[in-house]
């Protein structure tokens, strides 16, 4: 599933990040394939989506969340 399909409060594991620029940007912030993140907030119209890894929070736009494939990390 895409990160854009996750719901607030869910913990998901990043399986794939499409697009080299997005992957490089997230990598520079310490978010990589295989990491688990929590969905903290989703604004109206599903953008932005706020995720959390450790003490770090990041807001991602709709096109970015559509490029990130995740699975539930239960």
PDB file of N, CA and C in Angstrom:
ATOM      1  N   UNK A   1       0.849  -1.168   0.000  1.00  0.00           N
ATOM      2  CA  UNK A   1       0.000   0.000   0.000  1.00  0.00           C
ATOM      3  C   UNK A   1       0.895   1.232   0.000  1.00  0.00           C
ATOM      4  N   UNK A   2       0.358   2.341  -0.423  1.00  0.00           N
ATOM      5  CA  UNK A   2       1.083   3.610  -0.423  1.00  0.00           C
ATOM      6  C   UNK A   2       0.913   4.297   0.929  1.00  0.00           C
ATOM      7  N   UNK A   3       1.891   5.101   1.302  1.00  0.00           N
ATOM      8  CA  UNK A   3       1.813   5.836   2.562  1.00  0.00           C
ATOM      9  C   UNK A   3       0.576   6.729   2.586  1.00  0.00           C
ATOM     10  N   UNK A   4       0.151   7.208   1.436  1.00  0.00           N
ATOM     11  CA  UNK A   4      -1.048   8.052   1.366  1.00  0.00           C
ATOM     12  C   UNK A   4      -2.307   7.303   1.801  1.00  0.00           C
ATOM     13  N   UNK A   5      -2.265   5.970   1.825  1.00  0.00           N
ATOM     14  CA  UNK A   5      -3.415   5.171   2.241  1.00  0.00           C
ATOM     15  C   UNK A   5      -3.420   4.805   3.714  1.00  0.00           C
ATOM     16  N   UNK A   6      -2.361   5.150   4.432  1.00  0.00           N
ATOM     17  CA  UNK A   6      -2.281   4.835   5.865  1.00  0.00           C
ATOM     18  C   UNK A   6      -3.177   5.783   6.657  1.00  0.00           C
ATOM     19  N   UNK A   7      -3.541   5.361   7.852  1.00  0.00           N
ATOM     20  CA  UNK A   7      -4.419   6.153   8.714  1.00  0.00           C
ATOM     21  C   UNK A   7      -3.648   6.652   9.935  1.00  0.00           C
ATOM     22  N   UNK A   8      -4.156   7.705  10.538  1.00  0.00           N
ATOM     23  CA  UNK A   8      -3.538   8.280  11.734  1.00  0.00           C
ATOM     24  C   UNK A   8      -3.429   7.208  12.816  1.00  0.00           C
ATOM     25  N   UNK A   9      -2.273   7.143  13.448  1.00  0.00           N
ATOM     26  CA  UNK A   9      -2.041   6.195  14.529  1.00  0.00           C
ATOM     27  C   UNK A   9      -1.420   4.887  14.083  1.00  0.00           C
ATOM     28  N   UNK A  10      -1.371   4.637  12.792  1.00  0.00           N
ATOM     29  CA  UNK A  10      -0.793   3.385  12.296  1.00  0.00           C
ATOM     30  C   UNK A  10       0.724   3.472  12.250  1.00  0.00           C
ATOM     31  N   UNK A  11       1.343   2.341  12.528  1.00  0.00           N
ATOM     32  CA  UNK A  11       2.792   2.218  12.402  1.00  0.00           C
ATOM     33  C   UNK A  11       3.045   1.386  11.150  1.00  0.00           C
ATOM     34  N   UNK A  12       3.872   1.922  10.252  1.00  0.00           N
ATOM     35  CA  UNK A  12       4.135   1.258   8.984  1.00  0.00           C
ATOM     36  C   UNK A  12       5.630   1.148   8.744  1.00  0.00           C
ATOM     37  N   UNK A  13       6.001   0.156   7.940  1.00  0.00           N
ATOM     38  CA  UNK A  13       7.398  -0.058   7.560  1.00  0.00           C
ATOM     39  C   UNK A  13       7.555   0.356   6.104  1.00  0.00           C
ATOM     40  N   UNK A  14       8.581   1.150   5.817  1.00  0.00           N
ATOM     41  CA  UNK A  14       8.826   1.603   4.455  1.00  0.00           C
ATOM     42  C   UNK A  14       9.445   0.467   3.655  1.00  0.00           C
ATOM     43  N   UNK A  15       8.800   0.103   2.555  1.00  0.00           N
ATOM     44  CA  UNK A  15       9.238  -0.998   1.693  1.00  0.00           C
ATOM     45  C   UNK A  15       9.989  -0.477   0.470  1.00  0.00           C
ATOM     46  N   UNK A  16       9.512   0.645  -0.097  1.00  0.00           N
ATOM     47  CA  UNK A  16      10.133   1.198  -1.306  1.00  0.00           C
ATOM     48  C   UNK A  16       9.878   2.690  -1.380  1.00  0.00           C
ATOM     49  N   UNK A  17      10.872   3.413  -1.881  1.00  0.00           N
ATOM     50  CA  UNK A  17      10.728   4.848  -2.140  1.00  0.00           C
ATOM     51  C   UNK A  17      11.032   5.059  -3.613  1.00  0.00           C
ATOM     52  N   UNK A  18      10.020   5.461  -4.376  1.00  0.00           N
ATOM     53  CA  UNK A  18      10.197   5.706  -5.813  1.00  0.00           C
ATOM     54  C   UNK A  18      10.728   7.119  -6.018  1.00  0.00           C
ATOM     55  N   UNK A  19      11.550   7.279  -7.010  1.00  0.00           N
ATOM     56  CA  UNK A  19      12.078   8.609  -7.316  1.00  0.00           C
ATOM     57  C   UNK A  19      13.361   8.881  -6.572  1.00  0.00           C
ATOM     58  N   UNK A  20      14.417   9.088  -7.317  1.00  0.00           N
ATOM     59  CA  UNK A  20      15.736   9.298  -6.729  1.00  0.00           C
ATOM     60  C   UNK A  20      15.839  10.532  -5.853  1.00  0.00           C
ATOM     61  N   UNK A  21      15.195  11.626  -6.269  1.00  0.00           N
ATOM     62  CA  UNK A  21      15.286  12.864  -5.494  1.00  0.00           C
ATOM     63  C   UNK A  21      14.612  12.714  -4.135  1.00  0.00           C
ATOM     64  N   UNK A  22      13.442  12.098  -4.112  1.00  0.00           N
ATOM     65  CA  UNK A  22      12.732  11.882  -2.849  1.00  0.00           C
ATOM     66  C   UNK A  22      13.521  10.940  -1.957  1.00  0.00           C
ATOM     67  N   UNK A  23      14.038   9.870  -2.533  1.00  0.00           N
ATOM     68  CA  UNK A  23      14.825   8.903  -1.754  1.00  0.00           C
ATOM     69  C   UNK A  23      16.053   9.572  -1.146  1.00  0.00           C
ATOM     70  N   UNK A  24      16.741  10.387  -1.941  1.00  0.00           N
ATOM     71  CA  UNK A  24      17.928  11.087  -1.436  1.00  0.00           C
ATOM     72  C   UNK A  24      17.560  12.077  -0.331  1.00  0.00           C
ATOM     73  N   UNK A  25      16.442  12.785  -0.522  1.00  0.00           N
ATOM     74  CA  UNK A  25      16.004  13.761   0.487  1.00  0.00           C
ATOM     75  C   UNK A  25      15.666  13.082   1.809  1.00  0.00           C
ATOM     76  N   UNK A  26      14.894  11.997   1.734  1.00  0.00           N
ATOM     77  CA  UNK A  26      14.535  11.278   2.959  1.00  0.00           C
ATOM     78  C   UNK A  26      15.763  10.646   3.607  1.00  0.00           C
ATOM     79  N   UNK A  27      16.659  10.120   2.783  1.00  0.00           N
ATOM     80  CA  UNK A  27      17.889   9.520   3.290  1.00  0.00           C
ATOM     81  C   UNK A  27      18.720  10.552   4.065  1.00  0.00           C
ATOM     82  N   UNK A  28      18.761  11.775   3.551  1.00  0.00           N
ATOM     83  CA  UNK A  28      19.528  12.826   4.228  1.00  0.00           C
ATOM     84  C   UNK A  28      18.917  13.192   5.585  1.00  0.00           C
ATOM     85  N   UNK A  29      17.643  12.861   5.766  1.00  0.00           N
ATOM     86  CA  UNK A  29      16.955  13.120   7.039  1.00  0.00           C
ATOM     87  C   UNK A  29      16.919  11.882   7.929  1.00  0.00           C
ATOM     88  N   UNK A  30      17.565  10.805   7.469  1.00  0.00           N
ATOM     89  CA  UNK A  30      17.636   9.603   8.287  1.00  0.00           C
ATOM     90  C   UNK A  30      16.468   8.656   8.119  1.00  0.00           C
ATOM     91  N   UNK A  31      15.687   8.820   7.066  1.00  0.00           N
ATOM     92  CA  UNK A  31      14.552   7.922   6.812  1.00  0.00           C
ATOM     93  C   UNK A  31      14.888   7.082   5.594  1.00  0.00           C
ATOM     94  N   UNK A  32      14.957   5.755   5.803  1.00  0.00           N
ATOM     95  CA  UNK A  32      15.403   4.845   4.758  1.00  0.00           C
ATOM     96  C   UNK A  32      14.416   3.693   4.580  1.00  0.00           C
ATOM     97  N   UNK A  33      14.577   2.978   3.471  1.00  0.00           N
ATOM     98  CA  UNK A  33      13.806   1.750   3.250  1.00  0.00           C
ATOM     99  C   UNK A  33      14.110   0.798   4.404  1.00  0.00           C
ATOM    100  N   UNK A  34      13.080   0.179   4.949  1.00  0.00           N
ATOM    101  CA  UNK A  34      13.231  -0.731   6.081  1.00  0.00           C
ATOM    102  C   UNK A  34      12.896  -0.089   7.417  1.00  0.00           C
ATOM    103  N   UNK A  35      12.836   1.236   7.456  1.00  0.00           N
ATOM    104  CA  UNK A  35      12.508   1.946   8.698  1.00  0.00           C
ATOM    105  C   UNK A  35      11.016   1.869   8.990  1.00  0.00           C
ATOM    106  N   UNK A  36      10.686   1.893  10.261  1.00  0.00           N
ATOM    107  CA  UNK A  36       9.300   1.980  10.702  1.00  0.00           C
ATOM    108  C   UNK A  36       9.007   3.415  11.094  1.00  0.00           C
ATOM    109  N   UNK A  37       7.846   3.908  10.675  1.00  0.00           N
ATOM    110  CA  UNK A  37       7.415   5.259  11.019  1.00  0.00           C
ATOM    111  C   UNK A  37       5.967   5.199  11.494  1.00  0.00           C
ATOM    112  N   UNK A  38       5.579   6.179  12.276  1.00  0.00           N
ATOM    113  CA  UNK A  38       4.196   6.295  12.738  1.00  0.00           C
ATOM    114  C   UNK A  38       3.523   7.448  12.007  1.00  0.00           C
ATOM    115  N   UNK A  39       2.275   7.250  11.615  1.00  0.00           N
ATOM    116  CA  UNK A  39       1.499   8.309  10.978  1.00  0.00           C
ATOM    117  C   UNK A  39       0.864   9.120  12.108  1.00  0.00           C
ATOM    118  N   UNK A  40       1.267  10.381  12.226  1.00  0.00           N
ATOM    119  CA  UNK A  40       0.836  11.213  13.338  1.00  0.00           C
ATOM    120  C   UNK A  40      -0.387  12.074  13.016  1.00  0.00           C
ATOM    121  N   UNK A  41      -0.451  12.578  11.796  1.00  0.00           N
ATOM    122  CA  UNK A  41      -1.540  13.488  11.442  1.00  0.00           C
ATOM    123  C   UNK A  41      -1.723  13.487   9.926  1.00  0.00           C
ATOM    124  N   UNK A  42      -2.956  13.616   9.497  1.00  0.00           N
ATOM    125  CA  UNK A  42      -3.265  13.761   8.084  1.00  0.00           C
ATOM    126  C   UNK A  42      -4.188  14.961   7.955  1.00  0.00           C
ATOM    127  N   UNK A  43      -3.744  15.954   7.216  1.00  0.00           N
ATOM    128  CA  UNK A  43      -4.531  17.167   7.039  1.00  0.00           C
ATOM    129  C   UNK A  43      -5.710  16.890   6.103  1.00  0.00           C
ATOM    130  N   UNK A  44      -6.672  17.794   6.070  1.00  0.00           N
ATOM    131  CA  UNK A  44      -7.784  17.628   5.128  1.00  0.00           C
ATOM    132  C   UNK A  44      -7.265  17.464   3.703  1.00  0.00           C
ATOM    133  N   UNK A  45      -7.965  16.710   2.924  1.00  0.00           N
ATOM    134  CA  UNK A  45      -7.602  16.393   1.544  1.00  0.00           C
ATOM    135  C   UNK A  45      -6.316  15.566   1.467  1.00  0.00           C
ATOM    136  N   UNK A  46      -5.932  14.949   2.603  1.00  0.00           N
ATOM    137  CA  UNK A  46      -4.807  14.019   2.705  1.00  0.00           C
ATOM    138  C   UNK A  46      -3.456  14.625   2.375  1.00  0.00           C
ATOM    139  N   UNK A  47      -3.307  15.916   2.547  1.00  0.00           N
ATOM    140  CA  UNK A  47      -1.992  16.534   2.370  1.00  0.00           C
ATOM    141  C   UNK A  47      -1.871  17.733   3.297  1.00  0.00           C
ATOM    142  N   UNK A  48      -0.819  17.887   4.041  1.00  0.00           N
ATOM    143  CA  UNK A  48       0.287  16.954   4.157  1.00  0.00           C
ATOM    144  C   UNK A  48      -0.015  15.811   5.129  1.00  0.00           C
ATOM    145  N   UNK A  49       0.858  14.817   5.075  1.00  0.00           N
ATOM    146  CA  UNK A  49       0.816  13.695   6.009  1.00  0.00           C
ATOM    147  C   UNK A  49       2.035  13.838   6.920  1.00  0.00           C
ATOM    148  N   UNK A  50       1.801  13.839   8.221  1.00  0.00           N
ATOM    149  CA  UNK A  50       2.902  13.973   9.173  1.00  0.00           C
ATOM    150  C   UNK A  50       3.288  12.589   9.685  1.00  0.00           C
ATOM    151  N   UNK A  51       4.588  12.265   9.545  1.00  0.00           N
ATOM    152  CA  UNK A  51       5.094  10.992  10.059  1.00  0.00           C
ATOM    153  C   UNK A  51       6.125  11.265  11.146  1.00  0.00           C
ATOM    154  N   UNK A  52       6.364  10.232  11.945  1.00  0.00           N
ATOM    155  CA  UNK A  52       7.317  10.357  13.049  1.00  0.00           C
ATOM    156  C   UNK A  52       8.229   9.145  13.072  1.00  0.00           C
ATOM    157  N   UNK A  53       9.521   9.406  13.202  1.00  0.00           N
ATOM    158  CA  UNK A  53      10.522   8.356  13.422  1.00  0.00           C
ATOM    159  C   UNK A  53      11.364   8.803  14.601  1.00  0.00           C
ATOM    160  N   UNK A  54      11.283   8.083  15.688  1.00  0.00           N
ATOM    161  CA  UNK A  54      11.971   8.512  16.909  1.00  0.00           C
ATOM    162  C   UNK A  54      11.378   9.827  17.385  1.00  0.00           C
ATOM    163  N   UNK A  55      12.226  10.839  17.577  1.00  0.00           N
ATOM    164  CA  UNK A  55      11.754  12.164  17.996  1.00  0.00           C
ATOM    165  C   UNK A  55      11.621  13.119  16.817  1.00  0.00           C
ATOM    166  N   UNK A  56      11.808  12.623  15.611  1.00  0.00           N
ATOM    167  CA  UNK A  56      11.797  13.441  14.399  1.00  0.00           C
ATOM    168  C   UNK A  56      10.444  13.354  13.713  1.00  0.00           C
ATOM    169  N   UNK A  57       9.852  14.499  13.402  1.00  0.00           N
ATOM    170  CA  UNK A  57       8.580  14.544  12.678  1.00  0.00           C
ATOM    171  C   UNK A  57       8.801  15.221  11.333  1.00  0.00           C
ATOM    172  N   UNK A  58       8.090  14.721  10.332  1.00  0.00           N
ATOM    173  CA  UNK A  58       8.238  15.235   8.976  1.00  0.00           C
ATOM    174  C   UNK A  58       6.884  15.274   8.290  1.00  0.00           C
ATOM    175  N   UNK A  59       6.590  16.374   7.616  1.00  0.00           N
ATOM    176  CA  UNK A  59       5.358  16.493   6.845  1.00  0.00           C
ATOM    177  C   UNK A  59       5.680  16.269   5.369  1.00  0.00           C
ATOM    178  N   UNK A  60       4.905  15.398   4.739  1.00  0.00           N
ATOM    179  CA  UNK A  60       5.112  15.062   3.333  1.00  0.00           C
ATOM    180  C   UNK A  60       3.859  15.397   2.528  1.00  0.00           C
ATOM    181  N   UNK A  61       4.055  15.893   1.328  1.00  0.00           N
ATOM    182  CA  UNK A  61       2.946  16.210   0.442  1.00  0.00           C
ATOM    183  C   UNK A  61       2.352  14.966  -0.185  1.00  0.00           C
ATOM    184  N   UNK A  62       1.206  15.132  -0.830  1.00  0.00           N
ATOM    185  CA  UNK A  62       0.472  14.011  -1.427  1.00  0.00           C
ATOM    186  C   UNK A  62       1.304  13.276  -2.478  1.00  0.00           C
ATOM    187  N   UNK A  63       1.981  13.995  -3.354  1.00  0.00           N
ATOM    188  CA  UNK A  63       2.765  13.312  -4.387  1.00  0.00           C
ATOM    189  C   UNK A  63       3.897  12.511  -3.773  1.00  0.00           C
ATOM    190  N   UNK A  64       4.458  12.996  -2.673  1.00  0.00           N
ATOM    191  CA  UNK A  64       5.530  12.262  -1.998  1.00  0.00           C
ATOM    192  C   UNK A  64       4.993  10.994  -1.331  1.00  0.00           C
ATOM    193  N   UNK A  65       3.846  11.095  -0.675  1.00  0.00           N
ATOM    194  CA  UNK A  65       3.304   9.914   0.001  1.00  0.00           C
ATOM    195  C   UNK A  65       2.836   8.868  -1.001  1.00  0.00           C
ATOM    196  N   UNK A  66       2.478   9.290  -2.208  1.00  0.00           N
ATOM    197  CA  UNK A  66       2.113   8.339  -3.259  1.00  0.00           C
ATOM    198  C   UNK A  66       3.331   7.584  -3.789  1.00  0.00           C
ATOM    199  N   UNK A  67       4.530   8.121  -3.564  1.00  0.00           N
ATOM    200  CA  UNK A  67       5.771   7.493  -4.032  1.00  0.00           C
ATOM    201  C   UNK A  67       6.427   6.592  -2.990  1.00  0.00           C
ATOM    202  N   UNK A  68       5.784   6.439  -1.834  1.00  0.00           N
ATOM    203  CA  UNK A  68       6.355   5.630  -0.753  1.00  0.00           C
ATOM    204  C   UNK A  68       5.447   4.429  -0.502  1.00  0.00           C
ATOM    205  N   UNK A  69       6.005   3.235  -0.724  1.00  0.00           N
ATOM    206  CA  UNK A  69       5.262   1.997  -0.490  1.00  0.00           C
ATOM    207  C   UNK A  69       5.575   1.502   0.919  1.00  0.00           C
ATOM    208  N   UNK A  70       4.513   1.145   1.655  1.00  0.00           N
ATOM    209  CA  UNK A  70       4.665   0.710   3.047  1.00  0.00           C
ATOM    210  C   UNK A  70       3.857  -0.558   3.290  1.00  0.00           C
ATOM    211  N   UNK A  71       4.134  -1.186   4.420  1.00  0.00           N
ATOM    212  CA  UNK A  71       3.310  -2.294   4.909  1.00  0.00           C
ATOM    213  C   UNK A  71       3.093  -2.076   6.388  1.00  0.00           C
ATOM    214  N   UNK A  72       2.036  -2.661   6.924  1.00  0.00           N
ATOM    215  CA  UNK A  72       1.750  -2.510   8.348  1.00  0.00           C
ATOM    216  C   UNK A  72       2.873  -3.128   9.165  1.00  0.00           C
ATOM    217  N   UNK A  73       3.250  -2.434  10.224  1.00  0.00           N
ATOM    218  CA  UNK A  73       4.310  -2.896  11.118  1.00  0.00           C
ATOM    219  C   UNK A  73       3.694  -3.061  12.496  1.00  0.00           C
ATOM    220  N   UNK A  74       3.072  -4.205  12.687  1.00  0.00           N
ATOM    221  CA  UNK A  74       2.237  -4.400  13.822  1.00  0.00           C
ATOM    222  C   UNK A  74       2.792  -4.722  15.109  1.00  0.00           C
TER     223      UNK A  74
END
